[in-house]
């Protein structure tokens, strides 16, 4: 069972992916996690990625695809997976449709104001990428990671004005992908759109019910 979750930053796709992945005993794969792991392990691809990240550049499509391809070959991904945040561009989409067997694309829809409320309260543990929220998922100790007790941060791009720009960028990037999925009958049947504004447990339950029909 291979699933791809698509949605703007703050739509809840990462949280839902983790819970659905646990429900079906498959890995949750995100490009951010892949990049961090490769950089931490100093793999050849990770070394390339680190140079780009350190210089403030964006990871190019070719390197992102190479990292994803490598991740999908790992042992734990052979019986299914959930990909979160990929593909994002035409090149990534083309590669995915030609090289990956996807059972379901799950499209998360949510308003811009809801996303601003969610992301402006988000807290991150830099070392692991663990995510908290001051309202929905607060840490046990204020501004400290539950596991390491290290300080949590708010990402600079989780400020309201930056969130609005990220929201706009998402739709600019993703519109071609959605056009491809909706214009081809065999792909349109694999596109499941849901309102991701309800509580996470409701969103997860809705996805699980749909996945069980595959």
N, C-alpha and C. Protein backbone atom coordinates (compact mmCIF):
# COMPACT_ATOMS: atom_id res chain seq x y z
N UNK A 1 0.84 -1.19 0.00
CA UNK A 1 0.00 0.00 0.00
C UNK A 1 0.88 1.24 0.00
N UNK A 2 0.85 2.00 -1.09
CA UNK A 2 1.70 3.17 -1.26
C UNK A 2 0.83 4.42 -1.34
N UNK A 3 1.05 5.36 -0.41
CA UNK A 3 0.23 6.55 -0.32
C UNK A 3 1.09 7.80 -0.42
N UNK A 4 0.56 8.84 -1.06
CA UNK A 4 1.23 10.13 -1.10
C UNK A 4 0.28 11.18 -0.53
N UNK A 5 0.75 11.91 0.49
CA UNK A 5 -0.04 12.97 1.11
C UNK A 5 0.40 14.32 0.55
N UNK A 6 -0.56 15.09 0.06
CA UNK A 6 -0.30 16.39 -0.55
C UNK A 6 -1.09 17.45 0.21
N UNK A 7 -0.44 18.57 0.51
CA UNK A 7 -1.15 19.64 1.19
C UNK A 7 -0.21 20.75 1.56
N UNK A 8 -0.74 21.94 1.80
CA UNK A 8 0.12 23.08 2.14
C UNK A 8 0.75 22.91 3.52
N UNK A 9 1.81 23.65 3.82
CA UNK A 9 2.41 23.60 5.15
C UNK A 9 1.36 23.90 6.20
N UNK A 10 1.29 23.08 7.25
CA UNK A 10 0.32 23.30 8.31
C UNK A 10 -1.03 22.66 8.08
N UNK A 11 -1.17 21.92 6.99
CA UNK A 11 -2.47 21.28 6.71
C UNK A 11 -2.69 20.03 7.55
N UNK A 12 -1.65 19.59 8.25
CA UNK A 12 -1.79 18.41 9.10
C UNK A 12 -1.36 17.12 8.45
N UNK A 13 -0.78 17.21 7.26
CA UNK A 13 -0.43 15.98 6.55
C UNK A 13 0.68 15.20 7.23
N UNK A 14 1.64 15.91 7.85
CA UNK A 14 2.72 15.22 8.54
C UNK A 14 2.24 14.47 9.76
N UNK A 15 1.39 15.12 10.55
CA UNK A 15 0.82 14.48 11.74
C UNK A 15 -0.02 13.28 11.34
N UNK A 16 -0.87 13.47 10.33
CA UNK A 16 -1.73 12.37 9.88
C UNK A 16 -0.90 11.23 9.30
N UNK A 17 0.14 11.56 8.55
CA UNK A 17 0.99 10.53 7.95
C UNK A 17 1.62 9.64 9.02
N UNK A 18 2.10 10.25 10.09
CA UNK A 18 2.72 9.47 11.17
C UNK A 18 1.72 8.51 11.80
N UNK A 19 0.50 8.98 12.03
CA UNK A 19 -0.51 8.15 12.70
C UNK A 19 -1.05 7.06 11.77
N UNK A 20 -1.27 7.40 10.51
CA UNK A 20 -1.75 6.40 9.55
C UNK A 20 -0.67 5.36 9.30
N UNK A 21 0.57 5.80 9.21
CA UNK A 21 1.69 4.87 9.01
C UNK A 21 1.75 3.88 10.17
N UNK A 22 1.56 4.36 11.39
CA UNK A 22 1.57 3.48 12.55
C UNK A 22 0.41 2.50 12.49
N UNK A 23 -0.74 2.98 12.07
CA UNK A 23 -1.94 2.13 11.99
C UNK A 23 -1.74 0.96 11.04
N UNK A 24 -1.04 1.19 9.92
CA UNK A 24 -0.87 0.16 8.91
C UNK A 24 0.54 -0.45 8.89
N UNK A 25 1.35 -0.07 9.87
CA UNK A 25 2.71 -0.63 10.02
C UNK A 25 3.56 -0.44 8.77
N UNK A 26 3.55 0.78 8.25
CA UNK A 26 4.38 1.13 7.10
C UNK A 26 5.14 2.41 7.46
N UNK A 27 6.28 2.68 6.82
CA UNK A 27 7.05 3.88 7.17
C UNK A 27 6.45 5.17 6.64
N UNK A 28 6.62 6.22 7.43
CA UNK A 28 6.26 7.58 7.02
C UNK A 28 7.52 8.23 6.48
N UNK A 29 7.50 8.61 5.22
CA UNK A 29 8.69 9.14 4.55
C UNK A 29 8.46 10.60 4.17
N UNK A 30 9.35 11.48 4.63
CA UNK A 30 9.26 12.89 4.24
C UNK A 30 10.62 13.33 3.70
N UNK A 31 10.60 14.26 2.76
CA UNK A 31 11.85 14.72 2.17
C UNK A 31 12.74 15.37 3.23
N UNK A 32 12.13 16.10 4.16
CA UNK A 32 12.91 16.75 5.21
C UNK A 32 13.68 15.74 6.04
N UNK A 33 13.00 14.65 6.43
CA UNK A 33 13.65 13.61 7.23
C UNK A 33 14.78 12.93 6.44
N UNK A 34 14.51 12.68 5.16
CA UNK A 34 15.52 12.03 4.31
C UNK A 34 16.77 12.89 4.22
N UNK A 35 16.58 14.17 3.99
CA UNK A 35 17.72 15.09 3.85
C UNK A 35 18.51 15.16 5.16
N UNK A 36 17.78 15.31 6.29
CA UNK A 36 18.47 15.39 7.59
C UNK A 36 19.26 14.11 7.89
N UNK A 37 18.66 12.96 7.58
CA UNK A 37 19.33 11.68 7.86
C UNK A 37 20.58 11.52 7.02
N UNK A 38 20.48 11.87 5.74
CA UNK A 38 21.65 11.73 4.86
C UNK A 38 22.76 12.71 5.25
N UNK A 39 22.38 13.91 5.66
CA UNK A 39 23.39 14.87 6.11
C UNK A 39 24.05 14.38 7.39
N UNK A 40 23.23 13.88 8.33
CA UNK A 40 23.76 13.39 9.60
C UNK A 40 24.70 12.20 9.40
N UNK A 41 24.33 11.31 8.46
CA UNK A 41 25.14 10.10 8.20
C UNK A 41 26.29 10.35 7.24
N UNK A 42 26.37 11.57 6.71
CA UNK A 42 27.44 11.97 5.79
C UNK A 42 27.53 11.04 4.58
N UNK A 43 26.36 10.69 4.03
CA UNK A 43 26.34 9.89 2.81
C UNK A 43 26.77 10.78 1.64
N UNK A 44 27.15 10.18 0.49
CA UNK A 44 27.51 11.02 -0.66
C UNK A 44 26.41 12.02 -1.04
N UNK A 45 25.16 11.56 -1.02
CA UNK A 45 24.06 12.47 -1.34
C UNK A 45 23.88 13.50 -0.22
N UNK A 46 24.10 13.07 1.02
CA UNK A 46 23.97 13.98 2.14
C UNK A 46 25.02 15.08 2.12
N UNK A 47 26.22 14.75 1.69
CA UNK A 47 27.29 15.75 1.58
C UNK A 47 26.93 16.80 0.54
N UNK A 48 26.37 16.34 -0.58
CA UNK A 48 25.91 17.28 -1.61
C UNK A 48 24.82 18.19 -1.06
N UNK A 49 23.86 17.58 -0.35
CA UNK A 49 22.73 18.34 0.19
C UNK A 49 23.21 19.36 1.21
N UNK A 50 24.17 18.98 2.05
CA UNK A 50 24.65 19.88 3.10
C UNK A 50 25.29 21.13 2.51
N UNK A 51 26.06 20.95 1.45
CA UNK A 51 26.70 22.10 0.81
C UNK A 51 25.65 23.09 0.32
N UNK A 52 24.56 22.55 -0.22
CA UNK A 52 23.50 23.42 -0.74
C UNK A 52 22.75 24.10 0.40
N UNK A 53 22.42 23.33 1.44
CA UNK A 53 21.70 23.88 2.59
C UNK A 53 22.53 24.94 3.30
N UNK A 54 23.81 24.66 3.49
CA UNK A 54 24.70 25.59 4.18
C UNK A 54 24.86 26.91 3.43
N UNK A 55 24.73 26.84 2.11
CA UNK A 55 24.88 28.05 1.31
C UNK A 55 23.56 28.81 1.16
N UNK A 56 22.48 28.24 1.76
CA UNK A 56 21.18 28.89 1.69
C UNK A 56 20.40 28.58 0.44
N UNK A 57 20.87 27.62 -0.35
CA UNK A 57 20.18 27.27 -1.60
C UNK A 57 19.07 26.27 -1.40
N UNK A 58 18.32 26.03 -2.45
CA UNK A 58 17.24 25.05 -2.45
C UNK A 58 17.75 23.74 -3.05
N UNK A 59 17.34 22.63 -2.46
CA UNK A 59 17.75 21.33 -2.98
C UNK A 59 17.14 21.15 -4.36
N UNK A 60 17.94 20.93 -5.41
CA UNK A 60 17.40 20.79 -6.76
C UNK A 60 16.61 19.50 -6.93
N UNK A 61 15.75 19.50 -7.94
CA UNK A 61 14.90 18.34 -8.19
C UNK A 61 15.69 17.05 -8.33
N UNK A 62 16.77 17.09 -9.08
CA UNK A 62 17.54 15.87 -9.34
C UNK A 62 18.03 15.24 -8.03
N UNK A 63 18.56 16.06 -7.13
CA UNK A 63 19.07 15.54 -5.86
C UNK A 63 17.91 15.06 -4.98
N UNK A 64 16.81 15.79 -4.97
CA UNK A 64 15.63 15.37 -4.19
C UNK A 64 15.13 14.02 -4.68
N UNK A 65 15.07 13.85 -5.99
CA UNK A 65 14.61 12.59 -6.58
C UNK A 65 15.58 11.45 -6.23
N UNK A 66 16.87 11.72 -6.32
CA UNK A 66 17.87 10.70 -5.99
C UNK A 66 17.73 10.26 -4.53
N UNK A 67 17.52 11.21 -3.64
CA UNK A 67 17.35 10.89 -2.22
C UNK A 67 16.08 10.05 -2.00
N UNK A 68 15.00 10.43 -2.68
CA UNK A 68 13.75 9.68 -2.54
C UNK A 68 13.87 8.28 -3.12
N UNK A 69 14.49 8.17 -4.27
CA UNK A 69 14.67 6.86 -4.90
C UNK A 69 15.47 5.94 -3.99
N UNK A 70 16.53 6.46 -3.41
CA UNK A 70 17.36 5.68 -2.49
C UNK A 70 16.55 5.23 -1.28
N UNK A 71 15.73 6.14 -0.74
CA UNK A 71 14.93 5.81 0.45
C UNK A 71 13.91 4.71 0.16
N UNK A 72 13.31 4.73 -1.01
CA UNK A 72 12.27 3.74 -1.35
C UNK A 72 12.85 2.35 -1.59
N UNK A 73 14.17 2.27 -1.74
CA UNK A 73 14.82 0.97 -1.92
C UNK A 73 15.17 0.31 -0.58
N UNK A 74 15.04 1.04 0.52
CA UNK A 74 15.38 0.49 1.82
C UNK A 74 14.38 -0.59 2.23
N UNK A 75 14.83 -1.50 3.09
CA UNK A 75 14.06 -2.71 3.42
C UNK A 75 12.68 -2.41 3.99
N UNK A 76 12.58 -1.40 4.85
CA UNK A 76 11.29 -1.15 5.51
C UNK A 76 10.23 -0.59 4.59
N UNK A 77 10.63 -0.18 3.39
CA UNK A 77 9.68 0.42 2.45
C UNK A 77 9.17 -0.57 1.40
N UNK A 78 9.53 -1.82 1.54
CA UNK A 78 9.18 -2.79 0.50
C UNK A 78 7.73 -3.27 0.57
N UNK A 79 7.07 -3.07 1.70
CA UNK A 79 5.68 -3.50 1.84
C UNK A 79 4.71 -2.32 1.91
N UNK A 80 5.18 -1.15 1.51
CA UNK A 80 4.31 0.01 1.51
C UNK A 80 4.93 1.18 2.23
N UNK A 81 4.36 2.37 2.03
CA UNK A 81 4.88 3.58 2.63
C UNK A 81 3.88 4.72 2.48
N UNK A 82 4.12 5.78 3.25
CA UNK A 82 3.41 7.05 3.06
C UNK A 82 4.45 8.12 2.82
N UNK A 83 4.36 8.80 1.69
CA UNK A 83 5.27 9.91 1.38
C UNK A 83 4.54 11.22 1.68
N UNK A 84 5.22 12.09 2.40
CA UNK A 84 4.66 13.37 2.81
C UNK A 84 5.52 14.50 2.23
N UNK A 85 4.92 15.35 1.39
CA UNK A 85 5.63 16.51 0.87
C UNK A 85 6.40 16.29 -0.41
N UNK A 86 6.11 15.23 -1.10
CA UNK A 86 6.76 14.92 -2.38
C UNK A 86 5.75 14.14 -3.22
N UNK A 87 5.61 14.46 -4.50
CA UNK A 87 6.35 15.44 -5.31
C UNK A 87 5.79 16.85 -5.15
N UNK A 88 6.63 17.83 -5.47
CA UNK A 88 6.23 19.23 -5.37
C UNK A 88 6.37 19.99 -6.68
N UNK A 89 7.10 19.44 -7.62
CA UNK A 89 7.36 20.14 -8.88
C UNK A 89 6.98 19.23 -10.05
N UNK A 90 6.98 19.82 -11.24
CA UNK A 90 6.66 19.06 -12.44
C UNK A 90 7.66 17.93 -12.63
N UNK A 91 8.97 18.22 -12.45
CA UNK A 91 9.99 17.19 -12.65
C UNK A 91 9.81 16.05 -11.64
N UNK A 92 9.55 16.39 -10.38
CA UNK A 92 9.33 15.37 -9.36
C UNK A 92 8.06 14.57 -9.64
N UNK A 93 7.03 15.24 -10.12
CA UNK A 93 5.77 14.57 -10.44
C UNK A 93 5.95 13.60 -11.59
N UNK A 94 6.64 14.06 -12.64
CA UNK A 94 6.88 13.20 -13.80
C UNK A 94 7.65 11.95 -13.40
N UNK A 95 8.68 12.14 -12.58
CA UNK A 95 9.46 10.99 -12.11
C UNK A 95 8.58 10.03 -11.31
N UNK A 96 7.77 10.58 -10.43
CA UNK A 96 6.91 9.74 -9.57
C UNK A 96 5.94 8.91 -10.40
N UNK A 97 5.28 9.55 -11.36
CA UNK A 97 4.27 8.85 -12.15
C UNK A 97 4.88 7.78 -13.05
N UNK A 98 6.15 7.94 -13.40
CA UNK A 98 6.79 6.96 -14.28
C UNK A 98 7.56 5.88 -13.52
N UNK A 99 7.84 6.12 -12.23
CA UNK A 99 8.72 5.19 -11.51
C UNK A 99 8.15 4.63 -10.22
N UNK A 100 7.02 5.14 -9.77
CA UNK A 100 6.47 4.73 -8.48
C UNK A 100 5.02 4.30 -8.64
N UNK A 101 4.68 3.18 -8.04
CA UNK A 101 3.30 2.69 -8.06
C UNK A 101 2.56 3.25 -6.85
N UNK A 102 1.69 4.23 -7.09
CA UNK A 102 0.96 4.90 -6.01
C UNK A 102 -0.48 4.40 -5.99
N UNK A 103 -0.93 3.94 -4.82
CA UNK A 103 -2.31 3.46 -4.68
C UNK A 103 -3.30 4.59 -4.43
N UNK A 104 -2.84 5.64 -3.72
CA UNK A 104 -3.77 6.72 -3.38
C UNK A 104 -3.00 8.02 -3.11
N UNK A 105 -3.47 9.10 -3.74
CA UNK A 105 -2.99 10.44 -3.42
C UNK A 105 -4.02 11.08 -2.50
N UNK A 106 -3.61 11.51 -1.32
CA UNK A 106 -4.52 12.14 -0.36
C UNK A 106 -4.24 13.64 -0.35
N UNK A 107 -5.23 14.42 -0.76
CA UNK A 107 -5.09 15.87 -0.85
C UNK A 107 -5.74 16.53 0.37
N UNK A 108 -4.94 17.24 1.15
CA UNK A 108 -5.42 17.93 2.35
C UNK A 108 -5.82 19.35 1.97
N UNK A 109 -7.08 19.71 2.23
CA UNK A 109 -7.56 21.06 1.95
C UNK A 109 -7.91 21.76 3.26
N UNK A 110 -7.42 23.00 3.42
CA UNK A 110 -7.65 23.76 4.64
C UNK A 110 -7.46 25.23 4.33
N UNK A 111 -8.13 26.11 5.07
CA UNK A 111 -8.06 27.54 4.79
C UNK A 111 -6.72 28.13 5.23
N UNK A 112 -6.37 29.24 4.62
CA UNK A 112 -5.13 29.93 4.95
C UNK A 112 -5.12 30.37 6.41
N UNK A 113 -6.23 30.89 6.91
CA UNK A 113 -6.27 31.38 8.29
C UNK A 113 -6.10 30.25 9.30
N UNK A 114 -6.65 29.08 8.99
CA UNK A 114 -6.47 27.92 9.87
C UNK A 114 -5.00 27.54 9.93
N UNK A 115 -4.34 27.57 8.78
CA UNK A 115 -2.92 27.23 8.72
C UNK A 115 -2.08 28.23 9.51
N UNK A 116 -2.40 29.51 9.39
CA UNK A 116 -1.66 30.53 10.14
C UNK A 116 -1.79 30.27 11.64
N UNK A 117 -2.99 29.94 12.09
CA UNK A 117 -3.21 29.65 13.51
C UNK A 117 -2.40 28.43 13.94
N UNK A 118 -2.37 27.42 13.11
CA UNK A 118 -1.65 26.20 13.46
C UNK A 118 -0.14 26.44 13.50
N UNK A 119 0.40 27.02 12.43
CA UNK A 119 1.85 27.13 12.32
C UNK A 119 2.44 28.18 13.25
N UNK A 120 1.70 29.24 13.53
CA UNK A 120 2.26 30.28 14.39
C UNK A 120 2.45 29.79 15.82
N UNK A 121 1.82 28.65 16.17
CA UNK A 121 2.00 28.08 17.50
C UNK A 121 2.87 26.84 17.50
N UNK A 122 3.51 26.56 16.36
CA UNK A 122 4.30 25.34 16.24
C UNK A 122 5.69 25.51 16.84
N UNK A 123 6.16 24.48 17.55
CA UNK A 123 7.49 24.46 18.14
C UNK A 123 8.24 23.24 17.61
N UNK A 124 9.53 23.41 17.34
CA UNK A 124 10.34 22.35 16.71
C UNK A 124 11.53 22.01 17.60
N UNK A 125 11.84 20.71 17.67
CA UNK A 125 13.11 20.29 18.26
C UNK A 125 14.12 20.17 17.11
N UNK A 126 15.10 21.07 17.03
CA UNK A 126 15.99 21.12 15.86
C UNK A 126 16.72 19.81 15.57
N UNK A 127 17.14 19.11 16.61
CA UNK A 127 17.95 17.92 16.39
C UNK A 127 17.22 16.77 15.75
N UNK A 128 15.94 16.60 16.09
CA UNK A 128 15.19 15.44 15.60
C UNK A 128 14.08 15.79 14.62
N UNK A 129 13.64 17.05 14.65
CA UNK A 129 12.49 17.43 13.83
C UNK A 129 11.17 17.19 14.51
N UNK A 130 11.18 16.75 15.79
CA UNK A 130 9.92 16.53 16.51
C UNK A 130 9.14 17.84 16.60
N UNK A 131 7.81 17.71 16.42
CA UNK A 131 6.96 18.90 16.35
C UNK A 131 6.00 18.95 17.53
N UNK A 132 5.87 20.12 18.11
CA UNK A 132 4.91 20.38 19.18
C UNK A 132 4.04 21.57 18.78
N UNK A 133 3.01 21.84 19.56
CA UNK A 133 2.18 23.02 19.34
C UNK A 133 1.75 23.56 20.70
N UNK A 134 1.84 24.86 20.86
CA UNK A 134 1.55 25.45 22.16
C UNK A 134 0.12 25.15 22.63
N UNK A 135 -0.78 24.91 21.68
CA UNK A 135 -2.18 24.64 22.04
C UNK A 135 -2.57 23.18 21.87
N UNK A 136 -2.25 22.59 20.72
CA UNK A 136 -2.74 21.26 20.39
C UNK A 136 -1.85 20.13 20.93
N UNK A 137 -0.55 20.38 21.01
CA UNK A 137 0.38 19.32 21.43
C UNK A 137 1.55 19.94 22.20
N UNK A 138 1.27 20.52 23.37
CA UNK A 138 2.34 21.22 24.10
C UNK A 138 3.35 20.25 24.69
N UNK A 139 4.61 20.66 24.80
CA UNK A 139 5.61 19.82 25.46
C UNK A 139 5.31 19.72 26.95
N UNK A 140 5.82 18.68 27.59
CA UNK A 140 5.58 18.49 29.03
C UNK A 140 6.14 19.64 29.84
N UNK A 141 7.32 20.13 29.44
CA UNK A 141 7.93 21.30 30.07
C UNK A 141 7.99 22.41 29.04
N UNK A 142 7.60 23.63 29.41
CA UNK A 142 7.56 24.72 28.44
C UNK A 142 8.86 24.89 27.67
N UNK A 143 8.74 24.88 26.34
CA UNK A 143 9.85 25.14 25.42
C UNK A 143 10.99 24.14 25.54
N UNK A 144 10.68 22.90 26.01
CA UNK A 144 11.71 21.86 26.08
C UNK A 144 11.20 20.57 25.46
N UNK A 145 12.09 19.91 24.72
CA UNK A 145 11.75 18.64 24.09
C UNK A 145 11.48 17.57 25.16
N UNK A 146 10.42 16.77 24.96
CA UNK A 146 10.04 15.77 25.95
C UNK A 146 11.12 14.71 26.16
N UNK A 147 11.86 14.40 25.11
CA UNK A 147 12.83 13.30 25.19
C UNK A 147 14.20 13.76 25.66
N UNK A 148 14.72 14.83 25.06
CA UNK A 148 16.08 15.28 25.36
C UNK A 148 16.14 16.44 26.35
N UNK A 149 15.01 17.11 26.55
CA UNK A 149 14.94 18.32 27.39
C UNK A 149 15.73 19.48 26.78
N UNK A 150 16.10 19.35 25.51
CA UNK A 150 16.77 20.44 24.82
C UNK A 150 15.76 21.51 24.42
N UNK A 151 16.21 22.75 24.21
CA UNK A 151 15.29 23.85 23.89
C UNK A 151 14.56 23.62 22.56
N UNK A 152 13.31 24.04 22.52
CA UNK A 152 12.52 24.05 21.29
C UNK A 152 12.61 25.43 20.67
N UNK A 153 12.37 25.49 19.36
CA UNK A 153 12.42 26.77 18.66
C UNK A 153 11.16 26.95 17.82
N UNK A 154 10.90 28.18 17.44
CA UNK A 154 9.90 28.46 16.42
C UNK A 154 10.65 28.80 15.14
N UNK A 155 10.33 28.10 14.07
CA UNK A 155 11.03 28.34 12.82
C UNK A 155 10.71 29.74 12.29
N UNK A 156 11.71 30.41 11.71
CA UNK A 156 11.47 31.75 11.16
C UNK A 156 10.35 31.77 10.12
N UNK A 157 10.19 30.65 9.40
CA UNK A 157 9.15 30.62 8.35
C UNK A 157 7.78 30.24 8.90
N UNK A 158 7.65 30.19 10.24
CA UNK A 158 6.34 29.98 10.85
C UNK A 158 5.73 31.29 11.36
N UNK A 159 6.26 32.41 10.90
CA UNK A 159 5.68 33.70 11.20
C UNK A 159 4.53 33.96 10.21
N UNK A 160 3.45 34.66 10.65
CA UNK A 160 2.27 34.83 9.80
C UNK A 160 2.53 35.35 8.39
N UNK A 161 3.39 36.36 8.24
CA UNK A 161 3.62 36.91 6.90
C UNK A 161 4.35 35.92 6.01
N UNK A 162 5.27 35.15 6.62
CA UNK A 162 5.99 34.14 5.84
C UNK A 162 5.06 32.97 5.50
N UNK A 163 4.18 32.62 6.42
CA UNK A 163 3.23 31.53 6.19
C UNK A 163 2.35 31.84 4.98
N UNK A 164 1.90 33.08 4.89
CA UNK A 164 1.06 33.47 3.75
C UNK A 164 1.80 33.28 2.43
N UNK A 165 3.09 33.63 2.42
CA UNK A 165 3.89 33.47 1.20
C UNK A 165 4.09 32.00 0.90
N UNK A 166 4.33 31.18 1.93
CA UNK A 166 4.50 29.74 1.73
C UNK A 166 3.21 29.12 1.20
N UNK A 167 2.08 29.59 1.70
CA UNK A 167 0.77 29.10 1.26
C UNK A 167 0.59 29.39 -0.23
N UNK A 168 0.94 30.61 -0.63
CA UNK A 168 0.83 31.00 -2.04
C UNK A 168 1.79 30.18 -2.90
N UNK A 169 3.02 29.99 -2.40
CA UNK A 169 4.01 29.22 -3.15
C UNK A 169 3.55 27.78 -3.34
N UNK A 170 2.94 27.22 -2.31
CA UNK A 170 2.45 25.84 -2.38
C UNK A 170 1.48 25.68 -3.54
N UNK A 171 0.50 26.57 -3.63
CA UNK A 171 -0.50 26.43 -4.69
C UNK A 171 0.10 26.67 -6.07
N UNK A 172 1.08 27.56 -6.15
CA UNK A 172 1.74 27.79 -7.43
C UNK A 172 2.48 26.53 -7.87
N UNK A 173 3.18 25.88 -6.90
CA UNK A 173 3.95 24.68 -7.21
C UNK A 173 3.04 23.48 -7.48
N UNK A 174 1.97 23.38 -6.70
CA UNK A 174 1.16 22.16 -6.71
C UNK A 174 0.08 22.15 -7.78
N UNK A 175 -0.32 23.32 -8.26
CA UNK A 175 -1.38 23.39 -9.25
C UNK A 175 -1.13 22.47 -10.46
N UNK A 176 0.09 22.46 -11.02
CA UNK A 176 0.34 21.56 -12.16
C UNK A 176 0.17 20.09 -11.79
N UNK A 177 0.60 19.71 -10.58
CA UNK A 177 0.44 18.33 -10.13
C UNK A 177 -1.03 17.96 -10.06
N UNK A 178 -1.84 18.82 -9.47
CA UNK A 178 -3.27 18.53 -9.35
C UNK A 178 -3.94 18.47 -10.72
N UNK A 179 -3.48 19.33 -11.63
CA UNK A 179 -4.03 19.31 -12.99
C UNK A 179 -3.77 17.97 -13.66
N UNK A 180 -2.56 17.45 -13.48
CA UNK A 180 -2.21 16.14 -14.04
C UNK A 180 -3.08 15.05 -13.45
N UNK A 181 -3.24 15.05 -12.13
CA UNK A 181 -4.02 14.01 -11.46
C UNK A 181 -5.49 14.06 -11.87
N UNK A 182 -6.03 15.27 -11.97
CA UNK A 182 -7.45 15.43 -12.25
C UNK A 182 -7.78 15.23 -13.73
N UNK A 183 -6.78 15.41 -14.60
CA UNK A 183 -7.06 15.34 -16.04
C UNK A 183 -6.96 13.92 -16.59
N UNK A 184 -6.34 13.03 -15.85
CA UNK A 184 -6.20 11.65 -16.31
C UNK A 184 -7.11 10.74 -15.49
N UNK A 185 -8.03 10.10 -16.15
CA UNK A 185 -9.05 9.31 -15.46
C UNK A 185 -8.45 8.30 -14.50
N UNK A 186 -7.44 7.58 -14.92
CA UNK A 186 -6.87 6.53 -14.07
C UNK A 186 -6.20 7.11 -12.83
N UNK A 187 -5.72 8.37 -12.94
CA UNK A 187 -5.12 9.02 -11.79
C UNK A 187 -6.17 9.70 -10.93
N UNK A 188 -7.19 10.26 -11.58
CA UNK A 188 -8.26 10.93 -10.84
C UNK A 188 -8.94 9.98 -9.88
N UNK A 189 -9.05 8.72 -10.25
CA UNK A 189 -9.66 7.72 -9.38
C UNK A 189 -8.82 7.46 -8.13
N UNK A 190 -7.55 7.84 -8.20
CA UNK A 190 -6.65 7.62 -7.06
C UNK A 190 -6.48 8.87 -6.20
N UNK A 191 -7.22 9.93 -6.52
CA UNK A 191 -7.11 11.18 -5.78
C UNK A 191 -8.25 11.29 -4.76
N UNK A 192 -7.89 11.35 -3.48
CA UNK A 192 -8.87 11.46 -2.40
C UNK A 192 -8.68 12.81 -1.71
N UNK A 193 -9.68 13.69 -1.84
CA UNK A 193 -9.62 15.02 -1.26
C UNK A 193 -10.40 15.07 0.04
N UNK A 194 -9.81 15.65 1.09
CA UNK A 194 -10.54 15.75 2.35
C UNK A 194 -10.28 17.08 3.02
N UNK A 195 -11.24 17.50 3.83
CA UNK A 195 -11.13 18.70 4.63
C UNK A 195 -10.28 18.36 5.85
N UNK A 196 -9.11 18.99 5.97
CA UNK A 196 -8.22 18.66 7.08
C UNK A 196 -8.30 19.66 8.23
N UNK A 197 -9.39 20.46 8.25
CA UNK A 197 -9.54 21.42 9.35
C UNK A 197 -10.05 20.80 10.65
N UNK A 198 -10.76 19.65 10.63
CA UNK A 198 -11.19 19.04 11.90
C UNK A 198 -10.01 18.57 12.75
N UNK A 199 -10.32 18.07 13.93
CA UNK A 199 -9.29 17.56 14.83
C UNK A 199 -8.51 16.44 14.16
N UNK A 200 -7.22 16.29 14.48
CA UNK A 200 -6.37 15.28 13.84
C UNK A 200 -6.95 13.88 13.89
N UNK A 201 -7.56 13.49 15.01
CA UNK A 201 -8.08 12.12 15.10
C UNK A 201 -9.22 11.88 14.11
N UNK A 202 -9.98 12.94 13.80
CA UNK A 202 -11.06 12.80 12.82
C UNK A 202 -10.47 12.65 11.42
N UNK A 203 -9.47 13.46 11.11
CA UNK A 203 -8.80 13.40 9.81
C UNK A 203 -8.19 12.01 9.61
N UNK A 204 -7.50 11.52 10.64
CA UNK A 204 -6.85 10.20 10.54
C UNK A 204 -7.89 9.11 10.35
N UNK A 205 -8.98 9.17 11.07
CA UNK A 205 -10.02 8.16 10.93
C UNK A 205 -10.61 8.16 9.51
N UNK A 206 -10.82 9.36 8.95
CA UNK A 206 -11.35 9.47 7.59
C UNK A 206 -10.41 8.85 6.58
N UNK A 207 -9.11 9.12 6.74
CA UNK A 207 -8.12 8.56 5.82
C UNK A 207 -8.08 7.04 5.95
N UNK A 208 -8.05 6.53 7.16
CA UNK A 208 -7.97 5.08 7.38
C UNK A 208 -9.18 4.37 6.76
N UNK A 209 -10.35 4.97 6.89
CA UNK A 209 -11.55 4.36 6.30
C UNK A 209 -11.43 4.28 4.78
N UNK A 210 -10.86 5.34 4.18
CA UNK A 210 -10.68 5.35 2.72
C UNK A 210 -9.61 4.35 2.29
N UNK A 211 -8.51 4.30 3.06
CA UNK A 211 -7.41 3.39 2.71
C UNK A 211 -7.87 1.94 2.75
N UNK A 212 -8.73 1.60 3.68
CA UNK A 212 -9.20 0.22 3.81
C UNK A 212 -10.02 -0.25 2.60
N UNK A 213 -10.43 0.72 1.77
CA UNK A 213 -11.20 0.39 0.57
C UNK A 213 -10.31 0.11 -0.64
N UNK A 214 -9.01 0.33 -0.49
CA UNK A 214 -8.08 0.10 -1.61
C UNK A 214 -8.01 -1.39 -1.94
